[in-house]
Amino acid sequence: MAYQHIHSEQFRGVANPGYAAHPEAAPAMFAPPTGDSLGPSAPPANMFDNVPGYEGTMSGGGGGFLPPPMPSCPAPQPEPGPSQLHWSIPSISEDTARDALALYASSKCCYSSAPAKDGVITNMEAFNTYRYRLETFTESRSTEWSQEPYNGQPVDAFSQPSPGPWDIPAQTPTFFKDEQQVIKVPYTSSVKNCHVCFGMGRTPCKHCAGAGSKVCWVCNGSGFRHGDDRCSHCNGRGRENCVYCHGQGSSGCGICNGKRQLLVYIKLTVKWTNNQDDYVVEQSSGLHLENLSNVTGKELFRDAQYMVYPLMGFPDPAVVGAAERLVRDHQGKFSQTSRILQQRQTIELIPITKVTYRWKGNMHIYFVYGNEFKVNADNYPATCCCSIM
């Protein structure tokens, strides 16, 4: 069933919330629409109950996430991961480099395979690049008022105190996978007259302003066309039925679906997000680092726990420094607006091979990189098949 989403703002929680008075809607909100108020309007503020613990949940769109409550016990401290003593350096053979270039050429509609078949490899130089990746899997929560047509759904507002936003259970998905769950907050559902049709189930037609008819466009409302000739389009009435409402002057309300009432409740949105940052050690191979974003490398190190410890024992100081910075930044940034559930850090060794080869008396280069043996050959020498003999 479709429902309209409304606003969410920063949560202002209260400890052990009790009951609150149930404000009655002002009679003016049910007055018939007049003038230019024929279209849908935003729900009035007094349409929403004052729910203890959710005082900051408003209408109007937008809003921030709710900060998680302070833990009742100290958070577990990160544990150092095992230091790695042996870092193997992968390499590729000349046959692998040649096959990779042939596959690359065959994937291009206007590339000849002649350089891959006939070119003579003269040099292969390895540039092994480390990629450090930190992932922080978080849970965040936000609330907003929502509404849907009332069709007899349970109404439970104020029958019990509503649980706090972070006290409502949600099924945590697999770690490091983005997910979202929408939950109706218990004991916040109430029934209100529709604020658009004012409980009438129908709204005035905006095309004829509720009249059911419009001035005849043929005779301009006179009823006659030329002299005493009666207008045949409107039969001399000077008006014609509105084609949008078929002369009814109104149509079923699109907000309450003609039900006249709305179920109004607080909606809790729980989002699980895998926040990821990479650091790639710069190398002088000449291959642009953005090419590496779509390939994998050989995983040298993996550490996953509630909170990870900055990397220890790695031979490249640039990777160690990046790990310390990212771990500090993630734990400081995400703990303010969300709940950290798990962290994971990995190090990959991405092989990059710069291949120099001779074809038709000229020297050319290309790169083979990643476990997928992808090729970058910006200056491939045979890009038009018809020119190759």
Protein backbone atom coordinates (compact mmCIF):
# COMPACT_ATOMS: atom_id res chain seq x y z
CA MET A 1 0.00 0.00 0.00
CA ALA A 2 1.38 3.39 -0.95
CA TYR A 3 1.96 6.01 1.67
CA GLN A 4 3.40 9.49 1.78
CA HIS A 5 6.74 10.11 3.46
CA ILE A 6 7.13 13.12 5.64
CA HIS A 7 10.00 14.73 7.55
CA SER A 8 12.60 13.56 10.03
CA GLU A 9 14.76 15.70 12.29
CA GLN A 10 17.41 15.18 14.92
CA PHE A 11 16.09 12.97 17.74
CA ARG A 12 15.85 14.50 21.17
CA GLY A 13 15.49 11.48 23.43
CA VAL A 14 14.31 11.39 27.03
CA ALA A 15 15.11 8.74 29.58
CA ASN A 16 12.22 6.47 30.58
CA PRO A 17 9.59 8.39 28.61
CA GLY A 18 6.12 8.43 30.09
CA TYR A 19 2.72 9.28 28.67
CA ALA A 20 1.86 12.63 27.12
CA ALA A 21 -1.37 14.41 26.41
CA HIS A 22 -3.02 13.56 23.11
CA PRO A 23 -3.54 16.94 21.38
CA GLU A 24 -6.80 17.29 19.50
CA ALA A 25 -6.75 18.62 15.96
CA ALA A 26 -8.01 22.15 15.57
CA PRO A 27 -11.46 22.39 13.94
CA ALA A 28 -10.03 24.72 11.30
CA MET A 29 -8.04 21.89 9.73
CA PHE A 30 -11.27 20.27 8.59
CA ALA A 31 -12.77 23.37 6.99
CA PRO A 32 -13.63 23.13 3.28
CA PRO A 33 -10.89 24.27 0.91
CA THR A 34 -11.22 27.70 -0.64
CA GLY A 35 -9.48 29.78 -3.29
CA ASP A 36 -6.18 28.36 -4.44
CA SER A 37 -6.10 25.65 -1.73
CA LEU A 38 -7.66 23.04 -4.01
CA GLY A 39 -4.45 21.03 -4.40
CA PRO A 40 -2.66 18.82 -1.84
CA SER A 41 -1.03 20.67 1.03
CA ALA A 42 1.49 19.72 3.68
CA PRO A 43 -0.02 18.15 6.80
CA PRO A 44 -0.59 20.70 9.57
CA ALA A 45 1.62 20.44 12.63
CA ASN A 46 -1.30 19.59 14.93
CA MET A 47 -2.00 16.47 12.88
CA PHE A 48 0.90 14.71 14.61
CA ASP A 49 0.81 13.50 18.18
CA ASN A 50 3.40 14.45 20.77
CA VAL A 51 5.06 11.08 21.32
CA PRO A 52 7.48 10.96 24.28
CA GLY A 53 10.99 10.29 23.06
CA TYR A 54 10.17 11.48 19.52
CA GLU A 55 9.58 15.18 20.13
CA GLY A 56 12.04 16.14 17.39
CA THR A 57 10.23 14.17 14.69
CA MET A 58 8.58 16.80 12.52
CA SER A 59 6.89 17.23 9.17
CA GLY A 60 8.29 19.00 6.14
CA GLY A 61 11.03 16.78 4.69
CA GLY A 62 14.72 16.32 5.44
CA GLY A 63 16.35 15.69 8.77
CA GLY A 64 19.40 13.99 10.26
CA PHE A 65 20.18 10.61 11.72
CA LEU A 66 19.67 9.83 15.39
CA PRO A 67 22.88 9.55 17.40
CA PRO A 68 23.26 6.16 19.08
CA PRO A 69 22.93 6.00 22.87
CA MET A 70 26.02 5.86 25.04
CA PRO A 71 27.06 2.23 25.63
CA SER A 72 26.26 0.89 29.06
CA CYS A 73 29.68 -0.76 29.28
CA PRO A 74 33.07 0.22 27.86
CA ALA A 75 33.50 -0.63 24.19
CA PRO A 76 35.90 -3.48 23.49
CA GLN A 77 39.36 -2.28 22.60
CA PRO A 78 40.85 -3.11 19.20
CA GLU A 79 43.32 -5.97 19.17
CA PRO A 80 46.56 -5.93 17.19
CA GLY A 81 46.48 -8.07 14.07
CA PRO A 82 49.29 -10.54 13.39
CA SER A 83 52.36 -9.07 11.77
CA GLN A 84 53.23 -10.46 8.36
CA LEU A 85 56.81 -11.53 7.72
CA HIS A 86 56.60 -12.92 4.20
CA TRP A 87 55.17 -10.91 1.33
CA SER A 88 55.29 -12.86 -1.93
CA ILE A 89 55.71 -10.94 -5.18
CA PRO A 90 53.62 -12.34 -8.04
CA SER A 91 54.96 -12.21 -11.58
CA ILE A 92 53.60 -13.04 -15.01
CA SER A 93 55.22 -14.90 -17.86
CA GLU A 94 55.86 -13.62 -21.37
CA ASP A 95 53.16 -15.94 -22.73
CA THR A 96 50.64 -14.52 -20.27
CA ALA A 97 51.53 -10.97 -21.30
CA ARG A 98 51.17 -11.84 -24.99
CA ASP A 99 47.83 -13.64 -24.47
CA ALA A 100 46.50 -10.68 -22.49
CA LEU A 101 47.32 -8.29 -25.35
CA ALA A 102 45.70 -10.62 -27.90
CA LEU A 103 42.52 -10.80 -25.81
CA TYR A 104 42.53 -7.03 -25.47
CA ALA A 105 42.83 -6.56 -29.24
CA SER A 106 40.04 -9.05 -29.96
CA SER A 107 37.69 -7.11 -27.66
CA LYS A 108 38.05 -4.00 -29.84
CA CYS A 109 36.10 -3.91 -33.08
CA CYS A 110 38.75 -1.94 -35.01
CA TYR A 111 41.92 -3.38 -33.51
CA SER A 112 44.12 -5.77 -35.43
CA SER A 113 45.65 -8.71 -33.58
CA ALA A 114 48.87 -8.45 -35.60
CA PRO A 115 50.90 -6.61 -32.90
CA ALA A 116 49.95 -9.24 -30.34
CA LYS A 117 50.85 -12.12 -32.68
CA ASP A 118 53.94 -10.74 -34.42
CA GLY A 119 55.33 -8.25 -31.92
CA VAL A 120 58.59 -9.15 -30.17
CA ILE A 121 58.68 -8.51 -26.43
CA THR A 122 61.96 -6.87 -25.50
CA ASN A 123 61.42 -6.00 -21.83
CA MET A 124 59.03 -6.76 -18.95
CA GLU A 125 59.19 -4.65 -15.79
CA ALA A 126 57.14 -5.39 -12.66
CA PHE A 127 55.62 -2.59 -10.54
CA ASN A 128 53.83 -4.24 -7.64
CA THR A 129 51.39 -1.87 -5.98
CA TYR A 130 49.92 -2.19 -2.48
CA ARG A 131 46.30 -1.28 -1.89
CA TYR A 132 45.16 -0.84 1.69
CA ARG A 133 41.39 -0.92 2.25
CA LEU A 134 39.46 -0.12 5.42
CA GLU A 135 35.76 -0.93 5.70
CA THR A 136 33.57 0.20 8.60
CA PHE A 137 30.14 -1.38 8.73
CA THR A 138 27.68 0.91 10.52
CA GLU A 139 24.04 1.03 11.53
CA SER A 140 22.20 4.37 11.50
CA ARG A 141 18.61 5.21 12.40
CA SER A 142 16.24 8.04 11.49
CA THR A 143 12.55 8.74 12.11
CA GLU A 144 9.86 10.60 10.21
CA TRP A 145 6.11 10.89 10.29
CA SER A 146 4.36 8.80 7.64
CA GLN A 147 0.77 8.30 6.61
CA GLU A 148 -1.29 5.88 4.59
CA PRO A 149 -5.00 5.47 3.82
CA TYR A 150 -6.83 4.00 6.78
CA ASN A 151 -8.27 0.58 5.98
CA GLY A 152 -8.85 -0.76 9.47
CA GLN A 153 -5.20 -1.20 10.45
CA PRO A 154 -4.46 -1.55 14.18
CA VAL A 155 -4.45 1.73 16.11
CA ASP A 156 -2.19 1.64 19.16
CA ALA A 157 -1.12 5.22 19.94
CA PHE A 158 -0.58 5.79 23.67
CA SER A 159 -1.74 2.29 24.66
CA GLN A 160 1.82 1.85 25.94
CA PRO A 161 4.94 4.02 25.99
CA SER A 162 6.72 3.82 22.67
CA PRO A 163 10.19 2.21 22.70
CA GLY A 164 13.09 4.47 21.86
CA PRO A 165 14.47 4.49 18.31
CA TRP A 166 17.51 2.44 19.29
CA ASP A 167 15.46 0.03 21.45
CA ILE A 168 13.43 -1.31 18.52
CA PRO A 169 14.87 -4.64 17.32
CA ALA A 170 16.00 -4.95 13.69
CA GLN A 171 17.45 -7.91 11.84
CA THR A 172 21.09 -7.13 11.08
CA PRO A 173 22.07 -8.25 7.56
CA THR A 174 25.34 -9.85 6.51
CA PHE A 175 28.28 -7.68 7.56
CA PHE A 176 29.75 -5.28 4.97
CA LYS A 177 26.62 -5.34 2.82
CA ASP A 178 24.44 -2.24 2.40
CA GLU A 179 20.84 -2.80 3.50
CA GLN A 180 17.80 -0.89 4.71
CA GLN A 181 14.78 -1.79 6.82
CA VAL A 182 11.67 0.30 7.47
CA ILE A 183 9.81 -0.31 10.74
CA LYS A 184 6.55 1.16 12.03
CA VAL A 185 7.30 2.43 15.53
CA PRO A 186 5.01 0.61 18.00
CA TYR A 187 2.34 2.61 19.88
CA THR A 188 2.46 5.65 17.57
CA SER A 189 -0.36 4.81 15.12
CA SER A 190 -3.49 6.95 15.23
CA VAL A 191 -6.33 7.82 12.83
CA LYS A 192 -6.81 11.36 11.55
CA ASN A 193 -9.14 12.96 9.07
CA CYS A 194 -7.40 13.43 5.73
CA HIS A 195 -5.85 16.91 5.66
CA VAL A 196 -6.25 17.23 1.87
CA CYS A 197 -9.93 16.37 1.41
CA PHE A 198 -10.86 17.33 5.00
CA GLY A 199 -12.46 13.95 5.61
CA MET A 200 -14.73 14.15 2.57
CA GLY A 201 -13.00 11.48 0.47
CA ARG A 202 -13.06 13.71 -2.63
CA THR A 203 -11.25 16.83 -3.73
CA PRO A 204 -12.45 19.61 -6.05
CA CYS A 205 -11.33 19.21 -9.64
CA LYS A 206 -8.39 21.56 -10.21
CA HIS A 207 -9.22 21.91 -13.91
CA CYS A 208 -12.70 23.38 -13.41
CA ALA A 209 -12.25 24.65 -9.82
CA GLY A 210 -14.98 22.26 -8.68
CA ALA A 211 -17.69 23.67 -10.96
CA GLY A 212 -17.98 20.55 -13.11
CA SER A 213 -18.05 22.66 -16.27
CA LYS A 214 -15.98 25.25 -18.10
CA VAL A 215 -16.71 28.11 -20.47
CA CYS A 216 -17.27 26.77 -23.99
CA TRP A 217 -14.15 27.41 -26.01
CA VAL A 218 -16.13 27.63 -29.29
CA CYS A 219 -18.59 30.40 -28.41
CA ASN A 220 -16.57 31.79 -25.48
CA GLY A 221 -19.61 31.39 -23.21
CA SER A 222 -22.13 33.33 -25.29
CA GLY A 223 -24.11 30.31 -26.47
CA PHE A 224 -24.05 31.62 -30.04
CA ARG A 225 -21.50 31.47 -32.85
CA HIS A 226 -22.68 33.90 -35.57
CA GLY A 227 -25.61 36.17 -34.96
CA ASP A 228 -28.51 34.03 -33.82
CA ASP A 229 -26.85 30.70 -34.62
CA ARG A 230 -26.85 28.63 -31.48
CA CYS A 231 -23.49 27.04 -30.64
CA SER A 232 -23.67 23.38 -31.58
CA HIS A 233 -20.72 22.49 -29.35
CA CYS A 234 -22.42 23.44 -26.07
CA ASN A 235 -26.04 23.41 -27.36
CA GLY A 236 -26.33 27.10 -26.54
CA ARG A 237 -25.54 26.69 -22.84
CA GLY A 238 -22.29 28.61 -23.03
CA ARG A 239 -20.53 25.96 -20.89
CA GLU A 240 -19.33 22.41 -21.44
CA ASN A 241 -18.73 19.55 -19.02
CA CYS A 242 -15.21 19.24 -17.68
CA VAL A 243 -13.58 16.29 -19.41
CA TYR A 244 -11.33 15.61 -16.41
CA CYS A 245 -14.01 15.09 -13.76
CA HIS A 246 -16.80 14.24 -16.26
CA GLY A 247 -18.97 17.00 -14.88
CA GLN A 248 -18.75 15.80 -11.28
CA GLY A 249 -16.72 18.77 -10.03
CA SER A 250 -14.58 16.51 -7.85
CA SER A 251 -12.55 13.33 -7.88
CA GLY A 252 -11.42 10.75 -5.36
CA CYS A 253 -8.77 12.06 -2.99
CA GLY A 254 -5.35 10.78 -4.00
CA ILE A 255 -3.96 10.95 -0.47
CA CYS A 256 -6.54 8.87 1.40
CA ASN A 257 -7.75 6.99 -1.70
CA GLY A 258 -11.27 8.11 -0.91
CA LYS A 259 -11.18 6.52 2.59
CA ARG A 260 -11.55 9.94 4.27
CA GLN A 261 -9.11 8.99 7.04
CA LEU A 262 -5.39 8.41 7.35
CA LEU A 263 -3.36 6.16 9.58
CA VAL A 264 -0.59 8.42 10.90
CA TYR A 265 2.47 6.89 12.55
CA ILE A 266 6.19 7.32 13.09
CA LYS A 267 8.37 5.42 10.65
CA LEU A 268 11.83 4.24 11.67
CA THR A 269 14.38 3.73 8.89
CA VAL A 270 17.37 1.56 9.76
CA LYS A 271 20.28 1.73 7.32
CA TRP A 272 23.32 -0.49 7.30
CA THR A 273 26.19 1.02 5.34
CA ASN A 274 29.60 -0.31 4.40
CA ASN A 275 31.84 2.77 4.52
CA GLN A 276 35.02 2.10 2.54
CA ASP A 277 38.26 3.96 1.96
CA ASP A 278 41.24 2.84 -0.13
CA TYR A 279 44.85 3.91 -0.13
CA VAL A 280 47.03 2.92 -3.08
CA VAL A 281 50.79 3.32 -2.88
CA GLU A 282 51.98 5.44 -5.78
CA GLN A 283 54.33 3.73 -8.25
CA SER A 284 56.29 5.09 -11.19
CA SER A 285 55.02 2.63 -13.79
CA GLY A 286 53.09 5.25 -15.75
CA LEU A 287 49.74 3.47 -15.39
CA HIS A 288 47.01 5.74 -14.05
CA LEU A 289 45.85 4.55 -10.63
CA GLU A 290 42.17 4.87 -11.55
CA ASN A 291 42.65 1.78 -13.75
CA LEU A 292 43.21 -0.26 -10.59
CA SER A 293 39.75 0.41 -9.14
CA ASN A 294 38.19 -2.36 -11.24
CA VAL A 295 40.73 -5.12 -10.61
CA THR A 296 41.70 -7.32 -7.68
CA GLY A 297 45.10 -8.26 -6.36
CA LYS A 298 46.63 -10.95 -4.25
CA GLU A 299 45.36 -10.57 -0.70
CA LEU A 300 48.28 -10.43 1.69
CA PHE A 301 46.48 -9.48 4.90
CA ARG A 302 42.93 -9.53 6.29
CA ASP A 303 41.73 -8.53 9.74
CA ALA A 304 38.06 -8.24 10.77
CA GLN A 305 36.77 -7.49 14.26
CA TYR A 306 34.57 -5.04 16.14
CA MET A 307 37.28 -2.39 15.93
CA VAL A 308 40.54 -3.04 14.16
CA TYR A 309 43.98 -2.05 15.32
CA PRO A 310 46.21 0.02 13.01
CA LEU A 311 48.47 -2.14 10.87
CA MET A 312 51.67 -3.49 12.38
CA GLY A 313 54.73 -5.11 10.86
CA PHE A 314 54.17 -4.13 7.23
CA PRO A 315 57.39 -3.34 5.32
CA ASP A 316 56.05 -0.27 3.47
CA PRO A 317 55.84 2.75 5.85
CA ALA A 318 53.39 4.56 3.52
CA VAL A 319 50.84 1.77 4.00
CA VAL A 320 51.37 1.77 7.77
CA GLY A 321 50.82 5.53 7.93
CA ALA A 322 47.69 5.36 5.78
CA ALA A 323 46.26 2.57 7.96
CA GLU A 324 46.81 4.57 11.15
CA ARG A 325 45.14 7.65 9.65
CA LEU A 326 42.12 5.85 8.20
CA VAL A 327 41.46 3.78 11.32
CA ARG A 328 41.54 6.92 13.44
CA ASP A 329 39.33 8.85 11.03
CA HIS A 330 36.71 6.10 10.69
CA GLN A 331 36.36 5.46 14.40
CA GLY A 332 36.06 9.16 15.14
CA LYS A 333 33.71 10.05 12.29
CA PHE A 334 31.20 7.19 12.20
CA SER A 335 30.78 6.70 15.94
CA GLN A 336 29.19 10.16 16.22
CA THR A 337 26.17 9.50 13.99
CA SER A 338 25.91 5.72 13.84
CA ARG A 339 26.74 2.49 15.62
CA ILE A 340 29.88 0.71 14.45
CA LEU A 341 29.16 -3.02 14.13
CA GLN A 342 32.33 -4.34 12.51
CA GLN A 343 35.52 -3.20 10.81
CA ARG A 344 37.70 -4.94 8.25
CA GLN A 345 41.11 -4.04 6.85
CA THR A 346 42.86 -5.74 3.96
CA ILE A 347 46.04 -5.35 1.96
CA GLU A 348 46.25 -6.45 -1.65
CA LEU A 349 49.31 -6.69 -3.84
CA ILE A 350 48.21 -5.66 -7.34
CA PRO A 351 50.67 -6.80 -10.00
CA ILE A 352 51.46 -4.30 -12.73
CA THR A 353 53.71 -5.33 -15.60
CA LYS A 354 55.01 -2.78 -18.10
CA VAL A 355 55.67 -4.60 -21.37
CA THR A 356 57.89 -3.14 -24.11
CA TYR A 357 57.71 -4.75 -27.56
CA ARG A 358 58.87 -4.14 -31.13
CA TRP A 359 56.45 -4.27 -34.06
CA LYS A 360 57.24 -3.19 -37.63
CA GLY A 361 60.49 -1.63 -36.50
CA ASN A 362 58.92 0.61 -33.82
CA MET A 363 58.87 0.24 -30.03
CA HIS A 364 55.56 0.22 -28.14
CA ILE A 365 54.43 -0.39 -24.57
CA TYR A 366 51.35 -1.69 -22.77
CA PHE A 367 50.44 -2.62 -19.21
CA VAL A 368 49.07 -5.86 -17.82
CA TYR A 369 47.62 -5.46 -14.33
CA GLY A 370 45.49 -7.13 -11.67
CA ASN A 371 44.54 -10.77 -11.14
CA GLU A 372 42.30 -10.36 -14.19
CA PHE A 373 45.28 -9.57 -16.47
CA LYS A 374 43.61 -6.45 -17.78
CA VAL A 375 45.47 -4.47 -20.42
CA ASN A 376 45.97 -0.76 -20.89
CA ALA A 377 47.35 0.12 -24.32
CA ASP A 378 46.53 3.73 -25.04
CA ASN A 379 48.86 3.87 -28.07
CA TYR A 380 48.02 0.55 -29.68
CA PRO A 381 49.70 0.70 -33.12
CA ALA A 382 47.03 -1.06 -35.22
CA THR A 383 43.62 0.44 -34.53
CA CYS A 384 42.13 0.04 -38.02
CA CYS A 385 41.94 -3.45 -39.52
CA CYS A 386 41.67 -2.24 -43.11
CA SER A 387 45.13 -0.65 -42.92
CA ILE A 388 46.88 -3.88 -41.90
CA MET A 389 48.37 -5.96 -44.71
